N, C-alpha and C. Protein backbone atom coordinates (compact mmCIF):
# COMPACT_ATOMS: atom_id res chain seq x y z
N MET A 1 -31.48 -83.16 -0.92
CA MET A 1 -31.03 -81.86 -0.93
C MET A 1 -31.39 -81.16 0.30
N SER A 2 -30.52 -80.23 0.75
CA SER A 2 -30.93 -79.43 1.96
C SER A 2 -31.94 -78.46 1.59
N GLU A 3 -32.70 -78.10 2.64
CA GLU A 3 -33.75 -77.19 2.41
C GLU A 3 -33.06 -75.73 2.52
N LYS A 4 -33.60 -74.92 1.60
CA LYS A 4 -32.95 -73.52 1.66
C LYS A 4 -33.95 -72.69 2.62
N VAL A 5 -33.25 -71.90 3.42
CA VAL A 5 -33.86 -71.04 4.27
C VAL A 5 -33.82 -69.57 4.15
N GLY A 6 -34.68 -68.70 4.42
CA GLY A 6 -34.52 -67.30 4.54
C GLY A 6 -34.78 -66.61 3.19
N ILE A 7 -33.93 -65.86 2.67
CA ILE A 7 -34.30 -65.05 1.58
C ILE A 7 -34.18 -65.85 0.27
N PHE A 8 -33.20 -66.81 0.20
CA PHE A 8 -33.15 -67.59 -1.01
C PHE A 8 -34.34 -68.46 -1.09
N ALA A 9 -34.98 -68.97 -0.07
CA ALA A 9 -36.23 -69.78 -0.15
C ALA A 9 -37.31 -68.95 -0.51
N SER A 10 -37.34 -67.68 -0.18
CA SER A 10 -38.48 -66.74 -0.60
C SER A 10 -38.34 -66.46 -2.13
N LEU A 11 -37.07 -66.36 -2.55
CA LEU A 11 -36.85 -66.14 -4.03
C LEU A 11 -37.21 -67.21 -4.86
N GLU A 12 -37.24 -68.43 -4.45
CA GLU A 12 -37.51 -69.58 -5.18
C GLU A 12 -39.14 -69.61 -5.34
N THR A 13 -39.78 -68.98 -4.47
CA THR A 13 -41.28 -69.00 -4.54
C THR A 13 -41.75 -68.02 -5.53
N LEU A 14 -40.87 -67.07 -5.99
CA LEU A 14 -41.29 -65.97 -6.91
C LEU A 14 -41.25 -66.56 -8.34
N ASP A 15 -42.23 -66.03 -9.18
CA ASP A 15 -42.08 -66.48 -10.51
C ASP A 15 -41.01 -65.64 -11.23
N ARG A 16 -40.84 -65.91 -12.53
CA ARG A 16 -39.72 -65.34 -13.27
C ARG A 16 -39.84 -63.73 -13.44
N ARG A 17 -41.16 -63.32 -13.58
CA ARG A 17 -41.39 -61.92 -13.78
C ARG A 17 -41.17 -61.12 -12.49
N GLN A 18 -41.54 -61.73 -11.39
CA GLN A 18 -41.26 -61.03 -10.08
C GLN A 18 -39.84 -61.00 -9.76
N ARG A 19 -39.14 -62.01 -10.07
CA ARG A 19 -37.68 -61.97 -9.97
C ARG A 19 -36.96 -60.97 -10.75
N GLY A 20 -37.36 -60.72 -11.83
CA GLY A 20 -36.97 -59.72 -12.70
C GLY A 20 -37.18 -58.24 -12.17
N LEU A 21 -38.45 -58.09 -11.67
CA LEU A 21 -38.77 -56.81 -11.07
C LEU A 21 -37.89 -56.58 -9.72
N LEU A 22 -37.76 -57.68 -9.04
CA LEU A 22 -36.90 -57.47 -7.88
C LEU A 22 -35.49 -57.14 -8.26
N ALA A 23 -34.91 -57.78 -9.20
CA ALA A 23 -33.49 -57.55 -9.63
C ALA A 23 -33.35 -56.09 -9.99
N GLY A 24 -34.48 -55.57 -10.84
CA GLY A 24 -34.44 -54.24 -11.26
C GLY A 24 -34.59 -53.29 -10.10
N LEU A 25 -35.38 -53.62 -9.10
CA LEU A 25 -35.46 -52.75 -7.90
C LEU A 25 -34.11 -52.63 -7.09
N ILE A 26 -33.43 -53.72 -7.06
CA ILE A 26 -32.18 -53.89 -6.30
C ILE A 26 -31.22 -53.02 -7.08
N ALA A 27 -31.11 -53.20 -8.41
CA ALA A 27 -30.25 -52.40 -9.25
C ALA A 27 -30.52 -50.86 -9.13
N PHE A 28 -31.74 -50.53 -9.13
CA PHE A 28 -32.21 -49.17 -9.11
C PHE A 28 -31.66 -48.63 -7.64
N VAL A 29 -31.98 -49.28 -6.63
CA VAL A 29 -31.55 -48.80 -5.24
C VAL A 29 -30.08 -48.68 -5.23
N ALA A 30 -29.38 -49.80 -5.79
CA ALA A 30 -27.82 -49.56 -5.75
C ALA A 30 -27.44 -48.40 -6.53
N MET A 31 -28.07 -48.10 -7.68
CA MET A 31 -27.63 -46.91 -8.48
C MET A 31 -27.91 -45.69 -7.74
N VAL A 32 -29.06 -45.56 -7.08
CA VAL A 32 -29.29 -44.38 -6.21
C VAL A 32 -28.27 -44.22 -5.10
N ILE A 33 -27.94 -45.33 -4.50
CA ILE A 33 -27.07 -45.22 -3.40
C ILE A 33 -25.63 -44.76 -3.96
N VAL A 34 -25.14 -45.40 -5.14
CA VAL A 34 -23.90 -44.94 -5.69
C VAL A 34 -23.88 -43.55 -6.18
N ALA A 35 -25.19 -43.07 -6.75
CA ALA A 35 -25.25 -41.69 -7.13
C ALA A 35 -25.19 -40.73 -5.89
N GLY A 36 -25.77 -41.13 -4.85
CA GLY A 36 -25.78 -40.32 -3.57
C GLY A 36 -24.34 -40.19 -3.09
N ILE A 37 -23.59 -41.32 -3.09
CA ILE A 37 -22.30 -41.32 -2.64
C ILE A 37 -21.34 -40.48 -3.47
N LEU A 38 -21.62 -40.52 -4.81
CA LEU A 38 -20.76 -39.72 -5.74
C LEU A 38 -21.08 -38.21 -5.58
N LEU A 39 -22.43 -37.87 -5.33
CA LEU A 39 -22.86 -36.43 -5.18
C LEU A 39 -22.13 -35.96 -3.83
N VAL A 40 -22.22 -36.73 -2.77
CA VAL A 40 -21.62 -36.27 -1.55
C VAL A 40 -20.14 -36.19 -1.63
N THR A 41 -19.54 -37.15 -2.41
CA THR A 41 -18.00 -37.00 -2.61
C THR A 41 -17.65 -35.96 -3.44
N LYS A 42 -18.49 -35.61 -4.51
CA LYS A 42 -18.21 -34.42 -5.45
C LYS A 42 -18.39 -33.07 -4.56
N SER A 43 -19.32 -33.03 -3.67
CA SER A 43 -19.55 -31.83 -2.95
C SER A 43 -18.36 -31.63 -1.94
N VAL A 44 -17.96 -32.71 -1.33
CA VAL A 44 -16.75 -32.70 -0.45
C VAL A 44 -15.49 -32.20 -1.10
N LEU A 45 -15.29 -32.85 -2.28
CA LEU A 45 -14.16 -32.49 -3.09
C LEU A 45 -14.19 -31.02 -3.58
N ASP A 46 -15.45 -30.57 -4.09
CA ASP A 46 -15.62 -29.13 -4.47
C ASP A 46 -15.33 -28.13 -3.28
N ASP A 47 -15.80 -28.51 -2.09
CA ASP A 47 -15.55 -27.55 -1.03
C ASP A 47 -14.21 -27.64 -0.62
N ALA A 48 -13.37 -28.73 -0.75
CA ALA A 48 -12.01 -28.77 -0.38
C ALA A 48 -11.30 -27.98 -1.49
N ALA A 49 -11.70 -28.08 -2.77
CA ALA A 49 -11.00 -27.35 -3.84
C ALA A 49 -11.23 -25.83 -3.62
N SER A 50 -12.50 -25.51 -3.20
CA SER A 50 -12.63 -23.96 -3.01
C SER A 50 -11.86 -23.56 -1.83
N ARG A 51 -11.63 -24.39 -0.80
CA ARG A 51 -10.78 -23.87 0.40
C ARG A 51 -9.41 -23.87 -0.04
N VAL A 52 -8.85 -24.73 -0.91
CA VAL A 52 -7.62 -24.65 -1.37
C VAL A 52 -7.36 -23.35 -2.19
N VAL A 53 -8.26 -23.11 -3.02
CA VAL A 53 -8.11 -21.85 -3.82
C VAL A 53 -8.08 -20.66 -2.98
N LEU A 54 -8.99 -20.66 -1.94
CA LEU A 54 -9.05 -19.49 -0.94
C LEU A 54 -7.68 -19.35 -0.30
N GLN A 55 -7.28 -20.42 0.26
CA GLN A 55 -5.93 -20.30 0.95
C GLN A 55 -4.86 -19.96 0.02
N LYS A 56 -4.84 -20.30 -1.26
CA LYS A 56 -3.79 -19.96 -2.22
C LYS A 56 -4.00 -18.44 -2.38
N GLU A 57 -5.21 -17.97 -2.67
CA GLU A 57 -5.33 -16.53 -2.76
C GLU A 57 -4.80 -15.65 -1.57
N LYS A 58 -5.15 -16.24 -0.37
CA LYS A 58 -4.58 -15.54 0.91
C LYS A 58 -3.14 -15.55 0.88
N TYR A 59 -2.66 -16.71 0.61
CA TYR A 59 -1.09 -16.87 0.54
C TYR A 59 -0.41 -15.84 -0.41
N GLU A 60 -0.99 -15.66 -1.68
CA GLU A 60 -0.51 -14.82 -2.61
C GLU A 60 -0.76 -13.40 -2.07
N LEU A 61 -1.89 -13.02 -1.53
CA LEU A 61 -2.11 -11.78 -0.94
C LEU A 61 -0.99 -11.36 0.17
N LEU A 62 -0.74 -12.46 0.98
CA LEU A 62 0.15 -12.21 2.00
C LEU A 62 1.72 -12.06 1.52
N GLN A 63 1.94 -12.76 0.42
CA GLN A 63 3.23 -12.59 -0.28
C GLN A 63 3.23 -11.11 -0.91
N ASP A 64 2.16 -10.69 -1.44
CA ASP A 64 2.22 -9.32 -2.02
C ASP A 64 2.42 -8.29 -0.86
N LEU A 65 1.66 -8.43 0.31
CA LEU A 65 1.68 -7.55 1.34
C LEU A 65 3.16 -7.60 1.89
N GLY A 66 3.75 -8.68 2.03
CA GLY A 66 5.18 -8.89 2.51
C GLY A 66 6.03 -8.10 1.66
N GLN A 67 5.83 -8.16 0.35
CA GLN A 67 6.68 -7.51 -0.56
C GLN A 67 6.53 -5.96 -0.44
N GLU A 68 5.20 -5.48 -0.30
CA GLU A 68 5.01 -4.07 -0.05
C GLU A 68 5.56 -3.58 1.30
N TYR A 69 5.60 -4.47 2.34
CA TYR A 69 6.08 -4.07 3.56
C TYR A 69 7.54 -3.94 3.44
N ALA A 70 8.28 -4.85 2.71
CA ALA A 70 9.72 -4.72 2.57
C ALA A 70 10.08 -3.54 1.72
N THR A 71 9.38 -3.19 0.71
CA THR A 71 9.53 -1.96 0.03
C THR A 71 9.42 -0.75 0.88
N ALA A 72 8.28 -0.79 1.68
CA ALA A 72 8.06 0.42 2.55
C ALA A 72 9.27 0.52 3.60
N GLN A 73 9.63 -0.59 4.07
CA GLN A 73 10.70 -0.54 5.13
C GLN A 73 11.98 0.07 4.40
N ALA A 74 12.31 -0.39 3.11
CA ALA A 74 13.33 0.21 2.41
C ALA A 74 13.24 1.65 2.16
N GLN A 75 12.08 2.01 1.92
CA GLN A 75 11.85 3.51 1.66
C GLN A 75 12.00 4.23 2.96
N ILE A 76 11.45 3.74 4.07
CA ILE A 76 11.71 4.38 5.33
C ILE A 76 13.17 4.46 5.72
N ALA A 77 13.93 3.42 5.53
CA ALA A 77 15.30 3.44 5.81
C ALA A 77 16.14 4.32 4.91
N ALA A 78 15.68 4.53 3.65
CA ALA A 78 16.32 5.46 2.76
C ALA A 78 16.01 7.02 3.21
N ALA A 79 14.72 7.09 3.50
CA ALA A 79 14.28 8.45 4.06
C ALA A 79 14.98 8.81 5.42
N GLU A 80 15.19 7.88 6.30
CA GLU A 80 15.88 8.12 7.47
C GLU A 80 17.35 8.45 7.23
N LYS A 81 17.92 7.75 6.24
CA LYS A 81 19.26 8.06 5.88
C LYS A 81 19.51 9.37 5.36
N ARG A 82 18.55 9.76 4.43
CA ARG A 82 18.58 11.10 3.84
C ARG A 82 18.40 12.11 4.86
N GLY A 83 17.36 11.98 5.82
CA GLY A 83 17.18 12.84 6.89
C GLY A 83 18.30 13.00 7.76
N SER A 84 19.06 11.90 8.13
CA SER A 84 20.19 12.00 8.93
C SER A 84 21.42 12.70 8.37
N GLN A 85 21.40 12.89 7.04
CA GLN A 85 22.49 13.73 6.37
C GLN A 85 22.39 15.17 6.85
N PHE A 86 21.18 15.65 7.06
CA PHE A 86 20.90 17.08 7.48
C PHE A 86 20.69 17.25 8.92
N SER A 87 20.87 16.03 9.72
CA SER A 87 20.54 16.28 11.15
C SER A 87 21.37 17.25 11.84
N GLY A 88 20.96 18.04 12.74
CA GLY A 88 21.77 19.11 13.38
C GLY A 88 21.86 20.28 12.43
N GLN A 89 21.29 20.32 11.34
CA GLN A 89 21.29 21.50 10.44
C GLN A 89 19.83 22.07 10.35
N PRO A 90 19.72 23.11 11.07
CA PRO A 90 18.26 23.68 10.96
C PRO A 90 17.97 24.28 9.66
N LEU A 91 16.71 24.46 9.27
CA LEU A 91 16.32 24.99 7.89
C LEU A 91 17.03 26.29 7.61
N PRO A 92 16.98 27.36 8.67
CA PRO A 92 17.61 28.65 8.25
C PRO A 92 19.14 28.53 7.82
N ALA A 93 19.85 27.64 8.45
CA ALA A 93 21.24 27.46 8.15
C ALA A 93 21.36 26.84 6.79
N TYR A 94 20.50 25.82 6.53
CA TYR A 94 20.42 25.19 5.35
C TYR A 94 20.11 26.08 4.15
N LEU A 95 19.00 26.90 4.35
CA LEU A 95 18.58 27.93 3.21
C LEU A 95 19.61 28.98 3.11
N GLU A 96 20.34 29.37 4.16
CA GLU A 96 21.31 30.33 3.99
C GLU A 96 22.59 29.90 3.04
N ARG A 97 22.79 28.54 3.27
CA ARG A 97 23.83 27.96 2.35
C ARG A 97 23.36 27.79 0.89
N VAL A 98 22.04 27.41 0.67
CA VAL A 98 21.54 27.24 -0.54
C VAL A 98 21.36 28.80 -1.28
N ALA A 99 20.93 29.66 -0.38
CA ALA A 99 20.84 31.12 -1.01
C ALA A 99 22.12 31.58 -1.38
N THR A 100 23.20 31.30 -0.62
CA THR A 100 24.60 31.79 -1.01
C THR A 100 24.98 31.01 -2.29
N LYS A 101 24.75 29.84 -2.42
CA LYS A 101 25.07 29.13 -3.69
C LYS A 101 24.40 29.74 -4.83
N VAL A 102 22.98 30.07 -4.66
CA VAL A 102 22.36 30.67 -5.82
C VAL A 102 22.62 32.19 -6.01
N GLY A 103 22.98 32.84 -4.90
CA GLY A 103 23.51 34.19 -4.95
C GLY A 103 22.44 35.20 -4.50
N VAL A 104 21.53 34.77 -3.61
CA VAL A 104 20.35 35.62 -3.06
C VAL A 104 20.41 35.65 -1.52
N SER A 105 21.48 35.50 -0.91
CA SER A 105 21.49 35.29 0.48
C SER A 105 21.10 36.63 1.23
N GLU A 106 21.43 37.75 0.55
CA GLU A 106 21.12 39.21 1.12
C GLU A 106 19.62 39.37 1.14
N GLN A 107 18.79 38.85 0.22
CA GLN A 107 17.32 39.03 0.13
C GLN A 107 16.66 37.94 1.00
N LEU A 108 17.30 37.02 1.72
CA LEU A 108 16.64 35.87 2.31
C LEU A 108 16.16 36.33 3.75
N SER A 109 15.01 35.93 4.18
CA SER A 109 14.50 35.98 5.54
C SER A 109 13.72 34.86 5.78
N VAL A 110 13.99 34.07 6.98
CA VAL A 110 13.30 32.89 7.34
C VAL A 110 12.78 33.04 8.77
N THR A 111 11.41 32.80 8.95
CA THR A 111 10.79 33.00 10.24
C THR A 111 10.05 31.68 10.61
N ARG A 112 10.26 31.14 11.81
CA ARG A 112 9.60 30.01 12.25
C ARG A 112 8.17 30.27 12.73
N SER A 113 7.33 29.40 12.28
CA SER A 113 5.89 29.71 12.57
C SER A 113 5.24 28.70 13.44
N GLY A 114 5.88 27.67 13.75
CA GLY A 114 5.15 26.58 14.65
C GLY A 114 5.80 25.22 14.49
N THR A 115 5.43 24.37 15.55
CA THR A 115 6.05 22.94 15.40
C THR A 115 4.79 21.98 15.82
N GLU A 116 4.68 20.95 15.09
CA GLU A 116 3.75 19.96 15.41
C GLU A 116 4.43 18.54 15.53
N GLU A 117 3.80 17.72 16.31
CA GLU A 117 4.42 16.26 16.35
C GLU A 117 3.26 15.35 16.03
N ALA A 118 3.55 14.44 15.00
CA ALA A 118 2.44 13.55 14.60
C ALA A 118 3.21 12.19 14.08
N GLY A 119 2.74 11.15 14.69
CA GLY A 119 3.27 9.87 14.25
C GLY A 119 4.62 9.56 14.37
N GLY A 120 5.39 10.21 15.31
CA GLY A 120 6.76 10.01 15.56
C GLY A 120 7.58 10.97 14.80
N VAL A 121 7.06 11.98 14.02
CA VAL A 121 7.61 12.82 13.16
C VAL A 121 7.39 14.30 13.71
N THR A 122 8.44 15.07 13.84
CA THR A 122 8.26 16.49 14.14
C THR A 122 8.22 17.35 12.89
N GLN A 123 7.16 18.07 12.82
CA GLN A 123 7.08 18.89 11.59
C GLN A 123 7.18 20.38 12.03
N THR A 124 8.17 21.09 11.49
CA THR A 124 8.34 22.55 11.79
C THR A 124 7.97 23.31 10.59
N ARG A 125 7.23 24.37 10.88
CA ARG A 125 6.74 25.26 9.76
C ARG A 125 7.54 26.55 9.69
N TYR A 126 7.86 26.97 8.61
CA TYR A 126 8.59 28.32 8.46
C TYR A 126 8.05 29.03 7.28
N LYS A 127 8.22 30.40 7.41
CA LYS A 127 7.94 31.34 6.40
C LYS A 127 9.12 31.88 5.84
N VAL A 128 9.41 31.58 4.54
CA VAL A 128 10.61 32.00 3.88
C VAL A 128 10.23 33.05 2.91
N GLU A 129 11.03 34.14 2.82
CA GLU A 129 10.79 35.31 1.98
C GLU A 129 12.13 35.65 1.30
N LEU A 130 11.94 35.87 0.03
CA LEU A 130 13.01 36.40 -0.79
C LEU A 130 12.46 37.72 -1.57
N LYS A 131 13.12 38.84 -1.18
CA LYS A 131 12.50 40.17 -1.61
C LYS A 131 13.42 40.78 -2.75
N GLN A 132 12.73 41.19 -3.82
CA GLN A 132 13.37 41.98 -4.82
C GLN A 132 14.41 41.22 -5.51
N ILE A 133 14.23 40.05 -6.14
CA ILE A 133 15.22 39.29 -6.87
C ILE A 133 14.69 39.07 -8.34
N ALA A 134 15.61 38.64 -9.17
CA ALA A 134 15.10 38.16 -10.41
C ALA A 134 14.37 36.76 -10.51
N LEU A 135 13.54 36.74 -11.42
CA LEU A 135 12.78 35.55 -11.55
C LEU A 135 13.55 34.21 -11.52
N ASP A 136 14.60 34.23 -12.41
CA ASP A 136 15.41 33.02 -12.51
C ASP A 136 16.23 32.61 -11.25
N LEU A 137 16.57 33.66 -10.43
CA LEU A 137 17.20 33.29 -9.23
C LEU A 137 16.25 32.62 -8.19
N GLY A 138 15.04 33.14 -8.15
CA GLY A 138 14.02 32.59 -7.30
C GLY A 138 13.63 31.15 -7.71
N LEU A 139 13.62 30.97 -8.97
CA LEU A 139 13.27 29.50 -9.55
C LEU A 139 14.54 28.58 -9.19
N ASN A 140 15.67 29.18 -9.37
CA ASN A 140 16.88 28.39 -9.04
C ASN A 140 16.88 27.96 -7.55
N LEU A 141 16.49 28.75 -6.64
CA LEU A 141 16.45 28.56 -5.33
C LEU A 141 15.43 27.45 -5.03
N ILE A 142 14.24 27.49 -5.68
CA ILE A 142 13.17 26.51 -5.52
C ILE A 142 13.77 25.03 -5.98
N HIS A 143 14.40 25.12 -7.14
CA HIS A 143 14.95 23.87 -7.67
C HIS A 143 16.06 23.28 -6.62
N GLU A 144 16.85 24.16 -6.11
CA GLU A 144 17.92 23.61 -5.02
C GLU A 144 17.16 23.00 -3.92
N MET A 145 16.13 23.71 -3.49
CA MET A 145 15.49 23.21 -2.21
C MET A 145 14.78 21.88 -2.51
N GLU A 146 14.24 21.79 -3.64
CA GLU A 146 13.45 20.57 -3.93
C GLU A 146 14.22 19.31 -4.26
N THR A 147 15.50 19.51 -4.79
CA THR A 147 16.31 18.54 -5.22
C THR A 147 17.36 18.17 -4.25
N SER A 148 17.59 18.93 -3.29
CA SER A 148 18.79 18.67 -2.38
C SER A 148 18.74 17.34 -1.48
N GLY A 149 17.48 17.11 -1.25
CA GLY A 149 17.26 15.80 -0.32
C GLY A 149 17.03 16.26 1.10
N TYR A 150 17.03 17.57 1.39
CA TYR A 150 16.67 18.11 2.64
C TYR A 150 15.26 17.72 2.98
N PRO A 151 14.94 17.23 4.12
CA PRO A 151 13.55 16.74 4.49
C PRO A 151 12.58 17.97 4.62
N LEU A 152 12.32 18.51 3.53
CA LEU A 152 11.23 19.56 3.70
C LEU A 152 10.17 19.48 2.46
N ASP A 153 9.16 20.19 2.68
CA ASP A 153 8.06 20.31 1.74
C ASP A 153 7.67 21.71 1.56
N ILE A 154 7.68 22.24 0.41
CA ILE A 154 7.19 23.53 0.02
C ILE A 154 5.60 23.40 -0.05
N GLU A 155 4.89 23.88 0.89
CA GLU A 155 3.48 23.80 0.81
C GLU A 155 2.85 24.83 -0.06
N THR A 156 3.19 26.05 0.02
CA THR A 156 2.68 27.13 -0.83
C THR A 156 3.82 28.00 -1.28
N THR A 157 3.63 28.53 -2.45
CA THR A 157 4.46 29.46 -3.03
C THR A 157 3.73 30.80 -3.51
N ARG A 158 4.11 31.86 -3.22
CA ARG A 158 3.36 33.12 -3.71
C ARG A 158 4.49 33.94 -4.21
N ILE A 159 4.29 34.31 -5.56
CA ILE A 159 5.25 35.21 -6.26
C ILE A 159 4.56 36.57 -6.59
N ARG A 160 5.09 37.57 -5.99
CA ARG A 160 4.53 38.90 -6.44
C ARG A 160 5.43 39.68 -7.33
N THR A 161 4.93 40.40 -8.31
CA THR A 161 5.81 41.24 -9.22
C THR A 161 5.83 42.67 -8.76
N ASN A 162 7.01 43.19 -8.74
CA ASN A 162 7.35 44.53 -8.48
C ASN A 162 7.91 45.27 -9.69
N ARG A 163 7.34 46.23 -10.17
CA ARG A 163 7.98 47.04 -11.32
C ARG A 163 8.56 48.33 -10.97
N ARG A 164 9.70 48.59 -11.17
CA ARG A 164 10.43 49.94 -10.95
C ARG A 164 11.05 50.35 -12.22
N ARG A 165 10.55 51.44 -12.70
CA ARG A 165 10.93 51.87 -14.02
C ARG A 165 11.00 50.86 -15.07
N ASP A 166 12.13 50.51 -15.68
CA ASP A 166 12.09 49.48 -16.65
C ASP A 166 12.50 48.08 -16.14
N GLU A 167 12.60 47.99 -14.86
CA GLU A 167 13.08 46.68 -14.26
C GLU A 167 11.84 46.02 -13.64
N VAL A 168 11.88 44.70 -13.57
CA VAL A 168 10.88 43.82 -12.97
C VAL A 168 11.60 42.96 -11.90
N TRP A 169 11.16 43.08 -10.66
CA TRP A 169 11.62 42.35 -9.49
C TRP A 169 10.48 41.41 -8.95
N TYR A 170 11.01 40.36 -8.31
CA TYR A 170 9.94 39.48 -7.73
C TYR A 170 10.19 39.27 -6.30
N THR A 171 9.07 39.06 -5.59
CA THR A 171 9.18 38.60 -4.13
C THR A 171 8.57 37.29 -4.03
N PHE A 172 9.32 36.33 -3.58
CA PHE A 172 8.95 34.94 -3.32
C PHE A 172 8.54 34.79 -1.95
N THR A 173 7.38 34.21 -1.52
CA THR A 173 7.14 33.86 -0.19
C THR A 173 6.71 32.47 -0.13
N PHE A 174 7.29 31.58 0.68
CA PHE A 174 7.12 30.14 0.77
C PHE A 174 6.65 29.80 2.10
N GLU A 175 5.84 28.77 2.19
CA GLU A 175 5.42 28.19 3.48
C GLU A 175 6.03 26.85 3.29
N VAL A 176 7.05 26.66 4.27
CA VAL A 176 7.77 25.35 4.20
C VAL A 176 7.70 24.65 5.39
N VAL A 177 7.65 23.15 5.31
CA VAL A 177 7.50 22.34 6.38
C VAL A 177 8.75 21.45 6.40
N THR A 178 9.35 21.35 7.61
CA THR A 178 10.58 20.48 7.74
C THR A 178 10.10 19.21 8.57
N PHE A 179 10.85 18.07 8.32
CA PHE A 179 10.45 16.89 8.98
C PHE A 179 11.76 16.37 9.67
N ALA A 180 11.52 15.89 10.91
CA ALA A 180 12.55 15.26 11.71
C ALA A 180 11.92 14.20 12.63
N LEU A 181 12.59 13.08 12.76
CA LEU A 181 12.06 12.00 13.63
C LEU A 181 12.17 12.63 15.08
N GLU A 182 11.17 12.16 15.80
CA GLU A 182 11.16 12.56 17.18
C GLU A 182 12.42 11.97 17.94
N GLY A 183 12.93 12.87 18.79
CA GLY A 183 14.19 12.45 19.49
C GLY A 183 15.35 12.59 18.59
N ALA A 184 15.28 12.90 17.44
CA ALA A 184 16.57 13.02 16.63
C ALA A 184 17.08 14.40 16.58
């Protein structure tokens, strides 16, 4: 028989108990190595899974933001369209038409009080006054102004009561802001 060399030769010199301990040590080291590989693999997979979840959340957020952007663009386009309906029609002329419709054009006075430009929008302020009218006519005028689509905002309203004999008359004072795109 040929002579065994190296590790196998050393193993034959060990008794049965020592061989069992060596086999146990080798099995233990192999299990530690496999467990280490599994832990590293698990941590790599967990990290990859968390990055996938994070990217998915970012994607969903971007989709939501894209939808909000599209909605905002549609609202801007609708507002520009509504605003263009009244382009070239200053607030005094518009209010004269509405006041005529309501039946209070004789009591109407409109005074321009200033203009500001902010964010591509020109804001013009007016003081509107209706003197000595019935309450329902003043409320009808407010309703017409608010629902017509004219690009305005009634910032403040003050109503004063005037009594003459058995009659009650009202004076309405509004602070109104109109909006127009710059250059329009």
